[in-house]
Amino acid sequence: MSKEKKNKAKNTIRINDILSGQMFYDVFRHQFKLVLLVMLLILFYINNRYACQKQIIELDKLKKELTDTKYEALAQSSILLERSRQSRIEDAINKKEIDLEIATTPPYLIQGGEEP
């Protein structure tokens, strides 16, 4: 047989090669580095996606916690504002019978002397 016929016989695909898996073995053997690269890229993609999802979950949790904290601070501020109103303070002083009176003269600012 000539070289041309051998190459042609080598390149033809037979049903027996497909069924026995020989054809896939030959392709895999010749493309091993490419298959390995594709598998590594797939693993990198899966790992990257998992890490991103983990960060998104953490971000959502922190956003919820921040919102809850803001509402809690707003509620505490409202309570403090209500308790510090002048009428509430006067009522508390009267209930405890403390000898304090409301100032009849307006407050004034004392100017300090010039510093040397």
PDB file of N, CA and C in Angstrom:
ATOM      1  N   MET A   1       0.823  -1.171   0.000  1.00  0.00           N
ATOM      2  CA  MET A   1       0.000   0.000   0.000  1.00  0.00           C
ATOM      3  C   MET A   1       0.869   1.236   0.000  1.00  0.00           C
ATOM      4  N   SER A   2       0.404   2.217  -0.698  1.00  0.00           N
ATOM      5  CA  SER A   2       1.172   3.447  -0.743  1.00  0.00           C
ATOM      6  C   SER A   2       0.847   4.295   0.485  1.00  0.00           C
ATOM      7  N   LYS A   3       1.669   5.311   0.676  1.00  0.00           N
ATOM      8  CA  LYS A   3       1.496   6.197   1.826  1.00  0.00           C
ATOM      9  C   LYS A   3       0.150   6.911   1.776  1.00  0.00           C
ATOM     10  N   GLU A   4      -0.263   7.293   0.611  1.00  0.00           N
ATOM     11  CA  GLU A   4      -1.516   8.005   0.451  1.00  0.00           C
ATOM     12  C   GLU A   4      -2.693   7.135   0.869  1.00  0.00           C
ATOM     13  N   LYS A   5      -2.676   5.881   0.515  1.00  0.00           N
ATOM     14  CA  LYS A   5      -3.764   4.967   0.875  1.00  0.00           C
ATOM     15  C   LYS A   5      -3.760   4.703   2.377  1.00  0.00           C
ATOM     16  N   LYS A   6      -2.569   4.629   2.986  1.00  0.00           N
ATOM     17  CA  LYS A   6      -2.491   4.418   4.434  1.00  0.00           C
ATOM     18  C   LYS A   6      -3.070   5.615   5.183  1.00  0.00           C
ATOM     19  N   ASN A   7      -2.725   6.823   4.757  1.00  0.00           N
ATOM     20  CA  ASN A   7      -3.251   8.027   5.392  1.00  0.00           C
ATOM     21  C   ASN A   7      -4.765   8.121   5.216  1.00  0.00           C
ATOM     22  N   LYS A   8      -5.231   7.755   4.023  1.00  0.00           N
ATOM     23  CA  LYS A   8      -6.660   7.797   3.762  1.00  0.00           C
ATOM     24  C   LYS A   8      -7.383   6.754   4.613  1.00  0.00           C
ATOM     25  N   ALA A   9      -6.796   5.593   4.751  1.00  0.00           N
ATOM     26  CA  ALA A   9      -7.387   4.545   5.574  1.00  0.00           C
ATOM     27  C   ALA A   9      -7.349   4.956   7.046  1.00  0.00           C
ATOM     28  N   LYS A  10      -6.325   5.685   7.438  1.00  0.00           N
ATOM     29  CA  LYS A  10      -6.197   6.147   8.820  1.00  0.00           C
ATOM     30  C   LYS A  10      -7.238   7.222   9.140  1.00  0.00           C
ATOM     31  N   ASN A  11      -7.559   8.058   8.169  1.00  0.00           N
ATOM     32  CA  ASN A  11      -8.479   9.175   8.377  1.00  0.00           C
ATOM     33  C   ASN A  11      -9.939   8.779   8.228  1.00  0.00           C
ATOM     34  N   THR A  12     -10.247   7.646   7.725  1.00  0.00           N
ATOM     35  CA  THR A  12     -11.647   7.248   7.572  1.00  0.00           C
ATOM     36  C   THR A  12     -12.191   6.790   8.917  1.00  0.00           C
ATOM     37  N   ILE A  13     -13.432   7.099   9.128  1.00  0.00           N
ATOM     38  CA  ILE A  13     -14.083   6.739  10.382  1.00  0.00           C
ATOM     39  C   ILE A  13     -14.950   5.517  10.119  1.00  0.00           C
ATOM     40  N   ARG A  14     -14.727   4.521  10.936  1.00  0.00           N
ATOM     41  CA  ARG A  14     -15.523   3.307  10.795  1.00  0.00           C
ATOM     42  C   ARG A  14     -16.517   3.228  11.937  1.00  0.00           C
ATOM     43  N   ILE A  15     -17.609   2.546  11.692  1.00  0.00           N
ATOM     44  CA  ILE A  15     -18.660   2.364  12.700  1.00  0.00           C
ATOM     45  C   ILE A  15     -18.098   1.616  13.904  1.00  0.00           C
ATOM     46  N   ASN A  16     -17.218   0.682  13.658  1.00  0.00           N
ATOM     47  CA  ASN A  16     -16.609  -0.105  14.735  1.00  0.00           C
ATOM     48  C   ASN A  16     -15.792   0.803  15.668  1.00  0.00           C
ATOM     49  N   ASP A  17     -15.104   1.802  15.094  1.00  0.00           N
ATOM     50  CA  ASP A  17     -14.315   2.722  15.916  1.00  0.00           C
ATOM     51  C   ASP A  17     -15.232   3.571  16.817  1.00  0.00           C
ATOM     52  N   ILE A  18     -16.372   3.961  16.285  1.00  0.00           N
ATOM     53  CA  ILE A  18     -17.305   4.776  17.070  1.00  0.00           C
ATOM     54  C   ILE A  18     -17.889   3.942  18.204  1.00  0.00           C
ATOM     55  N   LEU A  19     -18.333   2.747  17.895  1.00  0.00           N
ATOM     56  CA  LEU A  19     -18.962   1.901  18.908  1.00  0.00           C
ATOM     57  C   LEU A  19     -17.974   1.448  19.977  1.00  0.00           C
ATOM     58  N   SER A  20     -16.752   1.197  19.600  1.00  0.00           N
ATOM     59  CA  SER A  20     -15.769   0.742  20.586  1.00  0.00           C
ATOM     60  C   SER A  20     -15.194   1.904  21.393  1.00  0.00           C
ATOM     61  N   GLY A  21     -15.396   3.124  20.950  1.00  0.00           N
ATOM     62  CA  GLY A  21     -14.877   4.283  21.656  1.00  0.00           C
ATOM     63  C   GLY A  21     -13.466   4.646  21.239  1.00  0.00           C
ATOM     64  N   GLN A  22     -12.908   3.944  20.302  1.00  0.00           N
ATOM     65  CA  GLN A  22     -11.539   4.199  19.851  1.00  0.00           C
ATOM     66  C   GLN A  22     -11.403   5.582  19.239  1.00  0.00           C
ATOM     67  N   MET A  23     -12.424   6.022  18.507  1.00  0.00           N
ATOM     68  CA  MET A  23     -12.364   7.324  17.878  1.00  0.00           C
ATOM     69  C   MET A  23     -12.310   8.431  18.937  1.00  0.00           C
ATOM     70  N   PHE A  24     -13.142   8.323  19.964  1.00  0.00           N
ATOM     71  CA  PHE A  24     -13.152   9.324  21.025  1.00  0.00           C
ATOM     72  C   PHE A  24     -11.857   9.301  21.820  1.00  0.00           C
ATOM     73  N   TYR A  25     -11.304   8.122  22.001  1.00  0.00           N
ATOM     74  CA  TYR A  25     -10.026   8.001  22.702  1.00  0.00           C
ATOM     75  C   TYR A  25      -8.929   8.716  21.920  1.00  0.00           C
ATOM     76  N   ASP A  26      -8.919   8.518  20.606  1.00  0.00           N
ATOM     77  CA  ASP A  26      -7.906   9.180  19.776  1.00  0.00           C
ATOM     78  C   ASP A  26      -8.056  10.707  19.813  1.00  0.00           C
ATOM     79  N   VAL A  27      -9.291  11.187  19.734  1.00  0.00           N
ATOM     80  CA  VAL A  27      -9.530  12.629  19.779  1.00  0.00           C
ATOM     81  C   VAL A  27      -9.117  13.175  21.142  1.00  0.00           C
ATOM     82  N   PHE A  28      -9.494  12.467  22.195  1.00  0.00           N
ATOM     83  CA  PHE A  28      -9.154  12.908  23.548  1.00  0.00           C
ATOM     84  C   PHE A  28      -7.643  12.914  23.751  1.00  0.00           C
ATOM     85  N   ARG A  29      -6.977  11.917  23.247  1.00  0.00           N
ATOM     86  CA  ARG A  29      -5.521  11.835  23.403  1.00  0.00           C
ATOM     87  C   ARG A  29      -4.827  12.986  22.679  1.00  0.00           C
ATOM     88  N   HIS A  30      -5.325  13.344  21.523  1.00  0.00           N
ATOM     89  CA  HIS A  30      -4.704  14.427  20.769  1.00  0.00           C
ATOM     90  C   HIS A  30      -5.064  15.806  21.334  1.00  0.00           C
ATOM     91  N   GLN A  31      -6.206  15.911  21.952  1.00  0.00           N
ATOM     92  CA  GLN A  31      -6.674  17.200  22.462  1.00  0.00           C
ATOM     93  C   GLN A  31      -6.657  17.255  23.995  1.00  0.00           C
ATOM     94  N   PHE A  32      -5.791  16.476  24.631  1.00  0.00           N
ATOM     95  CA  PHE A  32      -5.753  16.375  26.086  1.00  0.00           C
ATOM     96  C   PHE A  32      -5.516  17.736  26.749  1.00  0.00           C
ATOM     97  N   LYS A  33      -4.575  18.497  26.249  1.00  0.00           N
ATOM     98  CA  LYS A  33      -4.269  19.795  26.857  1.00  0.00           C
ATOM     99  C   LYS A  33      -5.451  20.755  26.746  1.00  0.00           C
ATOM    100  N   LEU A  34      -6.131  20.728  25.623  1.00  0.00           N
ATOM    101  CA  LEU A  34      -7.295  21.586  25.437  1.00  0.00           C
ATOM    102  C   LEU A  34      -8.424  21.176  26.386  1.00  0.00           C
ATOM    103  N   VAL A  35      -8.655  19.888  26.518  1.00  0.00           N
ATOM    104  CA  VAL A  35      -9.695  19.391  27.426  1.00  0.00           C
ATOM    105  C   VAL A  35      -9.355  19.774  28.867  1.00  0.00           C
ATOM    106  N   LEU A  36      -8.108  19.637  29.238  1.00  0.00           N
ATOM    107  CA  LEU A  36      -7.666  20.011  30.581  1.00  0.00           C
ATOM    108  C   LEU A  36      -7.860  21.512  30.814  1.00  0.00           C
ATOM    109  N   LEU A  37      -7.528  22.324  29.845  1.00  0.00           N
ATOM    110  CA  LEU A  37      -7.717  23.775  29.953  1.00  0.00           C
ATOM    111  C   LEU A  37      -9.192  24.123  30.109  1.00  0.00           C
ATOM    112  N   VAL A  38     -10.050  23.493  29.318  1.00  0.00           N
ATOM    113  CA  VAL A  38     -11.490  23.752  29.407  1.00  0.00           C
ATOM    114  C   VAL A  38     -12.020  23.342  30.779  1.00  0.00           C
ATOM    115  N   MET A  39     -11.561  22.204  31.292  1.00  0.00           N
ATOM    116  CA  MET A  39     -12.001  21.757  32.617  1.00  0.00           C
ATOM    117  C   MET A  39     -11.548  22.732  33.701  1.00  0.00           C
ATOM    118  N   LEU A  40     -10.333  23.229  33.604  1.00  0.00           N
ATOM    119  CA  LEU A  40      -9.842  24.201  34.583  1.00  0.00           C
ATOM    120  C   LEU A  40     -10.643  25.504  34.516  1.00  0.00           C
ATOM    121  N   LEU A  41     -10.967  25.948  33.310  1.00  0.00           N
ATOM    122  CA  LEU A  41     -11.773  27.158  33.160  1.00  0.00           C
ATOM    123  C   LEU A  41     -13.180  26.978  33.728  1.00  0.00           C
ATOM    124  N   ILE A  42     -13.743  25.796  33.538  1.00  0.00           N
ATOM    125  CA  ILE A  42     -15.064  25.509  34.104  1.00  0.00           C
ATOM    126  C   ILE A  42     -15.002  25.535  35.629  1.00  0.00           C
ATOM    127  N   LEU A  43     -13.982  24.929  36.210  1.00  0.00           N
ATOM    128  CA  LEU A  43     -13.821  24.952  37.668  1.00  0.00           C
ATOM    129  C   LEU A  43     -13.633  26.382  38.179  1.00  0.00           C
ATOM    130  N   PHE A  44     -12.846  27.170  37.468  1.00  0.00           N
ATOM    131  CA  PHE A  44     -12.651  28.572  37.854  1.00  0.00           C
ATOM    132  C   PHE A  44     -13.966  29.335  37.792  1.00  0.00           C
ATOM    133  N   TYR A  45     -14.758  29.094  36.757  1.00  0.00           N
ATOM    134  CA  TYR A  45     -16.046  29.765  36.602  1.00  0.00           C
ATOM    135  C   TYR A  45     -16.995  29.399  37.747  1.00  0.00           C
ATOM    136  N   ILE A  46     -17.053  28.120  38.084  1.00  0.00           N
ATOM    137  CA  ILE A  46     -17.934  27.667  39.172  1.00  0.00           C
ATOM    138  C   ILE A  46     -17.495  28.288  40.493  1.00  0.00           C
ATOM    139  N   ASN A  47     -16.201  28.291  40.758  1.00  0.00           N
ATOM    140  CA  ASN A  47     -15.683  28.857  41.998  1.00  0.00           C
ATOM    141  C   ASN A  47     -15.964  30.364  42.062  1.00  0.00           C
ATOM    142  N   ASN A  48     -15.762  31.054  40.964  1.00  0.00           N
ATOM    143  CA  ASN A  48     -15.999  32.493  40.918  1.00  0.00           C
ATOM    144  C   ASN A  48     -17.472  32.810  41.146  1.00  0.00           C
ATOM    145  N   ARG A  49     -18.338  32.052  40.538  1.00  0.00           N
ATOM    146  CA  ARG A  49     -19.785  32.275  40.709  1.00  0.00           C
ATOM    147  C   ARG A  49     -20.207  32.030  42.156  1.00  0.00           C
ATOM    148  N   TYR A  50     -19.678  30.986  42.767  1.00  0.00           N
ATOM    149  CA  TYR A  50     -19.987  30.677  44.160  1.00  0.00           C
ATOM    150  C   TYR A  50     -19.526  31.810  45.072  1.00  0.00           C
ATOM    151  N   ALA A  51     -18.334  32.335  44.837  1.00  0.00           N
ATOM    152  CA  ALA A  51     -17.809  33.430  45.659  1.00  0.00           C
ATOM    153  C   ALA A  51     -18.662  34.688  45.478  1.00  0.00           C
ATOM    154  N   CYS A  52     -19.087  34.972  44.258  1.00  0.00           N
ATOM    155  CA  CYS A  52     -19.930  36.147  44.005  1.00  0.00           C
ATOM    156  C   CYS A  52     -21.285  36.014  44.697  1.00  0.00           C
ATOM    157  N   GLN A  53     -21.876  34.841  44.634  1.00  0.00           N
ATOM    158  CA  GLN A  53     -23.160  34.629  45.296  1.00  0.00           C
ATOM    159  C   GLN A  53     -23.021  34.787  46.806  1.00  0.00           C
ATOM    160  N   LYS A  54     -21.923  34.309  47.351  1.00  0.00           N
ATOM    161  CA  LYS A  54     -21.670  34.442  48.779  1.00  0.00           C
ATOM    162  C   LYS A  54     -21.558  35.919  49.163  1.00  0.00           C
ATOM    163  N   GLN A  55     -20.870  36.705  48.354  1.00  0.00           N
ATOM    164  CA  GLN A  55     -20.729  38.139  48.623  1.00  0.00           C
ATOM    165  C   GLN A  55     -22.060  38.863  48.490  1.00  0.00           C
ATOM    166  N   ILE A  56     -22.875  38.485  47.523  1.00  0.00           N
ATOM    167  CA  ILE A  56     -24.183  39.113  47.337  1.00  0.00           C
ATOM    168  C   ILE A  56     -25.081  38.822  48.540  1.00  0.00           C
ATOM    169  N   ILE A  57     -25.052  37.595  49.037  1.00  0.00           N
ATOM    170  CA  ILE A  57     -25.846  37.240  50.215  1.00  0.00           C
ATOM    171  C   ILE A  57     -25.384  38.063  51.417  1.00  0.00           C
ATOM    172  N   GLU A  58     -24.081  38.187  51.604  1.00  0.00           N
ATOM    173  CA  GLU A  58     -23.540  38.980  52.713  1.00  0.00           C
ATOM    174  C   GLU A  58     -23.922  40.454  52.564  1.00  0.00           C
ATOM    175  N   LEU A  59     -23.878  40.968  51.353  1.00  0.00           N
ATOM    176  CA  LEU A  59     -24.246  42.364  51.094  1.00  0.00           C
ATOM    177  C   LEU A  59     -25.719  42.610  51.413  1.00  0.00           C
ATOM    178  N   ASP A  60     -26.591  41.693  51.005  1.00  0.00           N
ATOM    179  CA  ASP A  60     -28.013  41.831  51.311  1.00  0.00           C
ATOM    180  C   ASP A  60     -28.260  41.792  52.818  1.00  0.00           C
ATOM    181  N   LYS A  61     -27.546  40.919  53.505  1.00  0.00           N
ATOM    182  CA  LYS A  61     -27.692  40.823  54.963  1.00  0.00           C
ATOM    183  C   LYS A  61     -27.253  42.123  55.635  1.00  0.00           C
ATOM    184  N   LEU A  62     -26.141  42.696  55.171  1.00  0.00           N
ATOM    185  CA  LEU A  62     -25.654  43.948  55.746  1.00  0.00           C
ATOM    186  C   LEU A  62     -26.592  45.116  55.444  1.00  0.00           C
ATOM    187  N   LYS A  63     -27.186  45.139  54.247  1.00  0.00           N
ATOM    188  CA  LYS A  63     -28.141  46.190  53.908  1.00  0.00           C
ATOM    189  C   LYS A  63     -29.366  46.121  54.821  1.00  0.00           C
ATOM    190  N   LYS A  64     -29.846  44.911  55.065  1.00  0.00           N
ATOM    191  CA  LYS A  64     -30.999  44.744  55.950  1.00  0.00           C
ATOM    192  C   LYS A  64     -30.647  45.190  57.365  1.00  0.00           C
ATOM    193  N   GLU A  65     -29.467  44.816  57.825  1.00  0.00           N
ATOM    194  CA  GLU A  65     -29.031  45.209  59.164  1.00  0.00           C
ATOM    195  C   GLU A  65     -28.897  46.734  59.267  1.00  0.00           C
ATOM    196  N   LEU A  66     -28.370  47.363  58.219  1.00  0.00           N
ATOM    197  CA  LEU A  66     -28.243  48.822  58.207  1.00  0.00           C
ATOM    198  C   LEU A  66     -29.612  49.497  58.265  1.00  0.00           C
ATOM    199  N   THR A  67     -30.572  48.991  57.506  1.00  0.00           N
ATOM    200  CA  THR A  67     -31.924  49.544  57.519  1.00  0.00           C
ATOM    201  C   THR A  67     -32.549  49.395  58.903  1.00  0.00           C
ATOM    202  N   ASP A  68     -32.397  48.217  59.499  1.00  0.00           N
ATOM    203  CA  ASP A  68     -32.944  48.005  60.844  1.00  0.00           C
ATOM    204  C   ASP A  68     -32.306  48.953  61.851  1.00  0.00           C
ATOM    205  N   THR A  69     -31.004  49.147  61.749  1.00  0.00           N
ATOM    206  CA  THR A  69     -30.303  50.048  62.664  1.00  0.00           C
ATOM    207  C   THR A  69     -30.754  51.495  62.475  1.00  0.00           C
ATOM    208  N   LYS A  70     -30.973  51.911  61.233  1.00  0.00           N
ATOM    209  CA  LYS A  70     -31.457  53.265  60.972  1.00  0.00           C
ATOM    210  C   LYS A  70     -32.840  53.482  61.596  1.00  0.00           C
ATOM    211  N   TYR A  71     -33.730  52.499  61.434  1.00  0.00           N
ATOM    212  CA  TYR A  71     -35.056  52.619  62.021  1.00  0.00           C
ATOM    213  C   TYR A  71     -34.986  52.643  63.554  1.00  0.00           C
ATOM    214  N   GLU A  72     -34.119  51.846  64.115  1.00  0.00           N
ATOM    215  CA  GLU A  72     -33.944  51.829  65.570  1.00  0.00           C
ATOM    216  C   GLU A  72     -33.418  53.179  66.059  1.00  0.00           C
ATOM    217  N   ALA A  73     -32.458  53.755  65.346  1.00  0.00           N
ATOM    218  CA  ALA A  73     -31.920  55.064  65.722  1.00  0.00           C
ATOM    219  C   ALA A  73     -32.998  56.140  65.594  1.00  0.00           C
ATOM    220  N   LEU A  74     -33.820  56.063  64.572  1.00  0.00           N
ATOM    221  CA  LEU A  74     -34.906  57.022  64.400  1.00  0.00           C
ATOM    222  C   LEU A  74     -35.918  56.915  65.540  1.00  0.00           C
ATOM    223  N   ALA A  75     -36.239  55.697  65.928  1.00  0.00           N
ATOM    224  CA  ALA A  75     -37.184  55.489  67.027  1.00  0.00           C
ATOM    225  C   ALA A  75     -36.614  56.027  68.338  1.00  0.00           C
ATOM    226  N   GLN A  76     -35.342  55.759  68.606  1.00  0.00           N
ATOM    227  CA  GLN A  76     -34.710  56.253  69.832  1.00  0.00           C
ATOM    228  C   GLN A  76     -34.643  57.778  69.830  1.00  0.00           C
ATOM    229  N   SER A  77     -34.344  58.366  68.690  1.00  0.00           N
ATOM    230  CA  SER A  77     -34.299  59.822  68.577  1.00  0.00           C
ATOM    231  C   SER A  77     -35.673  60.428  68.845  1.00  0.00           C
ATOM    232  N   SER A  78     -36.712  59.799  68.342  1.00  0.00           N
ATOM    233  CA  SER A  78     -38.074  60.275  68.569  1.00  0.00           C
ATOM    234  C   SER A  78     -38.438  60.191  70.051  1.00  0.00           C
ATOM    235  N   ILE A  79     -38.083  59.091  70.687  1.00  0.00           N
ATOM    236  CA  ILE A  79     -38.353  58.937  72.121  1.00  0.00           C
ATOM    237  C   ILE A  79     -37.607  59.998  72.924  1.00  0.00           C
ATOM    238  N   LEU A  80     -36.352  60.222  72.595  1.00  0.00           N
ATOM    239  CA  LEU A  80     -35.551  61.224  73.302  1.00  0.00           C
ATOM    240  C   LEU A  80     -36.125  62.628  73.105  1.00  0.00           C
ATOM    241  N   LEU A  81     -36.539  62.940  71.890  1.00  0.00           N
ATOM    242  CA  LEU A  81     -37.132  64.250  71.610  1.00  0.00           C
ATOM    243  C   LEU A  81     -38.404  64.446  72.416  1.00  0.00           C
ATOM    244  N   GLU A  82     -39.228  63.420  72.501  1.00  0.00           N
ATOM    245  CA  GLU A  82     -40.473  63.494  73.265  1.00  0.00           C
ATOM    246  C   GLU A  82     -40.193  63.704  74.758  1.00  0.00           C
ATOM    247  N   ARG A  83     -39.197  63.010  75.278  1.00  0.00           N
ATOM    248  CA  ARG A  83     -38.872  63.121  76.712  1.00  0.00           C
ATOM    249  C   ARG A  83     -38.214  64.450  77.057  1.00  0.00           C
ATOM    250  N   SER A  84     -37.554  65.092  76.104  1.00  0.00           N
ATOM    251  CA  SER A  84     -36.827  66.318  76.416  1.00  0.00           C
ATOM    252  C   SER A  84     -37.632  67.587  76.142  1.00  0.00           C
ATOM    253  N   ARG A  85     -38.889  67.456  75.795  1.00  0.00           N
ATOM    254  CA  ARG A  85     -39.730  68.645  75.598  1.00  0.00           C
ATOM    255  C   ARG A  85     -39.923  69.359  76.931  1.00  0.00           C
ATOM    256  N   GLN A  86     -40.064  70.665  76.855  1.00  0.00           N
ATOM    257  CA  GLN A  86     -40.154  71.469  78.072  1.00  0.00           C
ATOM    258  C   GLN A  86     -41.366  71.070  78.911  1.00  0.00           C
ATOM    259  N   SER A  87     -42.478  70.799  78.276  1.00  0.00           N
ATOM    260  CA  SER A  87     -43.680  70.441  79.039  1.00  0.00           C
ATOM    261  C   SER A  87     -43.477  69.115  79.778  1.00  0.00           C
ATOM    262  N   ARG A  88     -42.807  68.170  79.157  1.00  0.00           N
ATOM    263  CA  ARG A  88     -42.537  66.885  79.817  1.00  0.00           C
ATOM    264  C   ARG A  88     -41.594  67.070  81.000  1.00  0.00           C
ATOM    265  N   ILE A  89     -40.609  67.921  80.827  1.00  0.00           N
ATOM    266  CA  ILE A  89     -39.647  68.164  81.908  1.00  0.00           C
ATOM    267  C   ILE A  89     -40.354  68.853  83.072  1.00  0.00           C
ATOM    268  N   GLU A  90     -41.218  69.818  82.781  1.00  0.00           N
ATOM    269  CA  GLU A  90     -41.968  70.495  83.840  1.00  0.00           C
ATOM    270  C   GLU A  90     -42.863  69.514  84.588  1.00  0.00           C
ATOM    271  N   ASP A  91     -43.525  68.614  83.850  1.00  0.00           N
ATOM    272  CA  ASP A  91     -44.378  67.609  84.497  1.00  0.00           C
ATOM    273  C   ASP A  91     -43.553  66.698  85.405  1.00  0.00           C
ATOM    274  N   ALA A  92     -42.367  66.283  84.937  1.00  0.00           N
ATOM    275  CA  ALA A  92     -41.514  65.414  85.747  1.00  0.00           C
ATOM    276  C   ALA A  92     -41.031  66.126  87.003  1.00  0.00           C
ATOM    277  N   ILE A  93     -40.723  67.404  86.898  1.00  0.00           N
ATOM    278  CA  ILE A  93     -40.275  68.186  88.065  1.00  0.00           C
ATOM    279  C   ILE A  93     -41.427  68.327  89.066  1.00  0.00           C
ATOM    280  N   ASN A  94     -42.610  68.584  88.581  1.00  0.00           N
ATOM    281  CA  ASN A  94     -43.770  68.737  89.461  1.00  0.00           C
ATOM    282  C   ASN A  94     -44.122  67.412  90.147  1.00  0.00           C
ATOM    283  N   LYS A  95     -44.018  66.299  89.455  1.00  0.00           N
ATOM    284  CA  LYS A  95     -44.332  64.996  90.043  1.00  0.00           C
ATOM    285  C   LYS A  95     -43.355  64.643  91.158  1.00  0.00           C
ATOM    286  N   LYS A  96     -42.104  64.971  90.978  1.00  0.00           N
ATOM    287  CA  LYS A  96     -41.082  64.635  91.980  1.00  0.00           C
ATOM    288  C   LYS A  96     -40.962  65.713  93.058  1.00  0.00           C
ATOM    289  N   GLU A  97     -41.746  66.766  92.939  1.00  0.00           N
ATOM    290  CA  GLU A  97     -41.786  67.861  93.899  1.00  0.00           C
ATOM    291  C   GLU A  97     -40.401  68.449  94.177  1.00  0.00           C
ATOM    292  N   ILE A  98     -39.713  68.760  93.127  1.00  0.00           N
ATOM    293  CA  ILE A  98     -38.393  69.389  93.225  1.00  0.00           C
ATOM    294  C   ILE A  98     -38.593  70.897  93.209  1.00  0.00           C
ATOM    295  N   ASP A  99     -37.842  71.616  94.039  1.00  0.00           N
ATOM    296  CA  ASP A  99     -38.000  73.078  94.125  1.00  0.00           C
ATOM    297  C   ASP A  99     -37.257  73.782  92.991  1.00  0.00           C
ATOM    298  N   LEU A 100     -37.757  73.648  91.821  1.00  0.00           N
ATOM    299  CA  LEU A 100     -37.221  74.364  90.666  1.00  0.00           C
ATOM    300  C   LEU A 100     -38.345  75.188  90.065  1.00  0.00           C
ATOM    301  N   GLU A 101     -37.994  76.349  89.572  1.00  0.00           N
ATOM    302  CA  GLU A 101     -38.983  77.208  88.938  1.00  0.00           C
ATOM    303  C   GLU A 101     -38.538  77.546  87.522  1.00  0.00           C
ATOM    304  N   ILE A 102     -39.500  77.923  86.722  1.00  0.00           N
ATOM    305  CA  ILE A 102     -39.210  78.338  85.356  1.00  0.00           C
ATOM    306  C   ILE A 102     -38.617  79.740  85.421  1.00  0.00           C
ATOM    307  N   ALA A 103     -37.569  79.957  84.671  1.00  0.00           N
ATOM    308  CA  ALA A 103     -36.908  81.265  84.673  1.00  0.00           C
ATOM    309  C   ALA A 103     -37.833  82.315  84.072  1.00  0.00           C
ATOM    310  N   THR A 104     -37.895  83.457  84.741  1.00  0.00           N
ATOM    311  CA  THR A 104     -38.753  84.535  84.231  1.00  0.00           C
ATOM    312  C   THR A 104     -37.956  85.507  83.371  1.00  0.00           C
ATOM    313  N   THR A 105     -36.639  85.529  83.548  1.00  0.00           N
ATOM    314  CA  THR A 105     -35.797  86.401  82.727  1.00  0.00           C
ATOM    315  C   THR A 105     -35.161  85.584  81.622  1.00  0.00           C
ATOM    316  N   PRO A 106     -35.048  86.159  80.454  1.00  0.00           N
ATOM    317  CA  PRO A 106     -34.438  85.401  79.353  1.00  0.00           C
ATOM    318  C   PRO A 106     -32.941  85.199  79.595  1.00  0.00           C
ATOM    319  N   PRO A 107     -32.390  84.162  79.060  1.00  0.00           N
ATOM    320  CA  PRO A 107     -30.952  83.928  79.229  1.00  0.00           C
ATOM    321  C   PRO A 107     -30.160  84.969  78.440  1.00  0.00           C
ATOM    322  N   TYR A 108     -28.941  85.248  78.874  1.00  0.00           N
ATOM    323  CA  TYR A 108     -28.093  86.191  78.150  1.00  0.00           C
ATOM    324  C   TYR A 108     -26.687  85.629  78.085  1.00  0.00           C
ATOM    325  N   LEU A 109     -25.957  86.089  77.097  1.00  0.00           N
ATOM    326  CA  LEU A 109     -24.617  85.602  76.801  1.00  0.00           C
ATOM    327  C   LEU A 109     -23.593  86.487  77.495  1.00  0.00           C
ATOM    328  N   ILE A 110     -22.691  85.865  78.213  1.00  0.00           N
ATOM    329  CA  ILE A 110     -21.622  86.610  78.893  1.00  0.00           C
ATOM    330  C   ILE A 110     -20.425  86.643  77.951  1.00  0.00           C
ATOM    331  N   GLN A 111     -20.010  87.841  77.603  1.00  0.00           N
ATOM    332  CA  GLN A 111     -18.856  88.003  76.729  1.00  0.00           C
ATOM    333  C   GLN A 111     -17.582  87.958  77.572  1.00  0.00           C
ATOM    334  N   GLY A 112     -16.628  87.161  77.161  1.00  0.00           N
ATOM    335  CA  GLY A 112     -15.373  87.081  77.880  1.00  0.00           C
ATOM    336  C   GLY A 112     -14.475  88.232  77.499  1.00  0.00           C
ATOM    337  N   GLY A 113     -13.533  88.522  78.366  1.00  0.00           N
ATOM    338  CA  GLY A 113     -12.577  89.590  78.085  1.00  0.00           C
ATOM    339  C   GLY A 113     -11.600  89.149  77.008  1.00  0.00           C
ATOM    340  N   GLU A 114     -10.833  90.096  76.536  1.00  0.00           N
ATOM    341  CA  GLU A 114      -9.834  89.784  75.521  1.00  0.00           C
ATOM    342  C   GLU A 114      -8.700  89.009  76.144  1.00  0.00           C
ATOM    343  N   GLU A 115      -8.220  88.082  75.419  1.00  0.00           N
ATOM    344  CA  GLU A 115      -7.104  87.264  75.917  1.00  0.00           C
ATOM    345  C   GLU A 115      -5.802  87.992  75.635  1.00  0.00           C
ATOM    346  N   PRO A 116      -4.835  87.906  76.585  1.00  0.00           N
ATOM    347  CA  PRO A 116      -3.548  88.611  76.375  1.00  0.00           C
ATOM    348  C   PRO A 116      -2.726  87.983  75.290  1.00  0.00           C
TER     349      PRO A 116
END
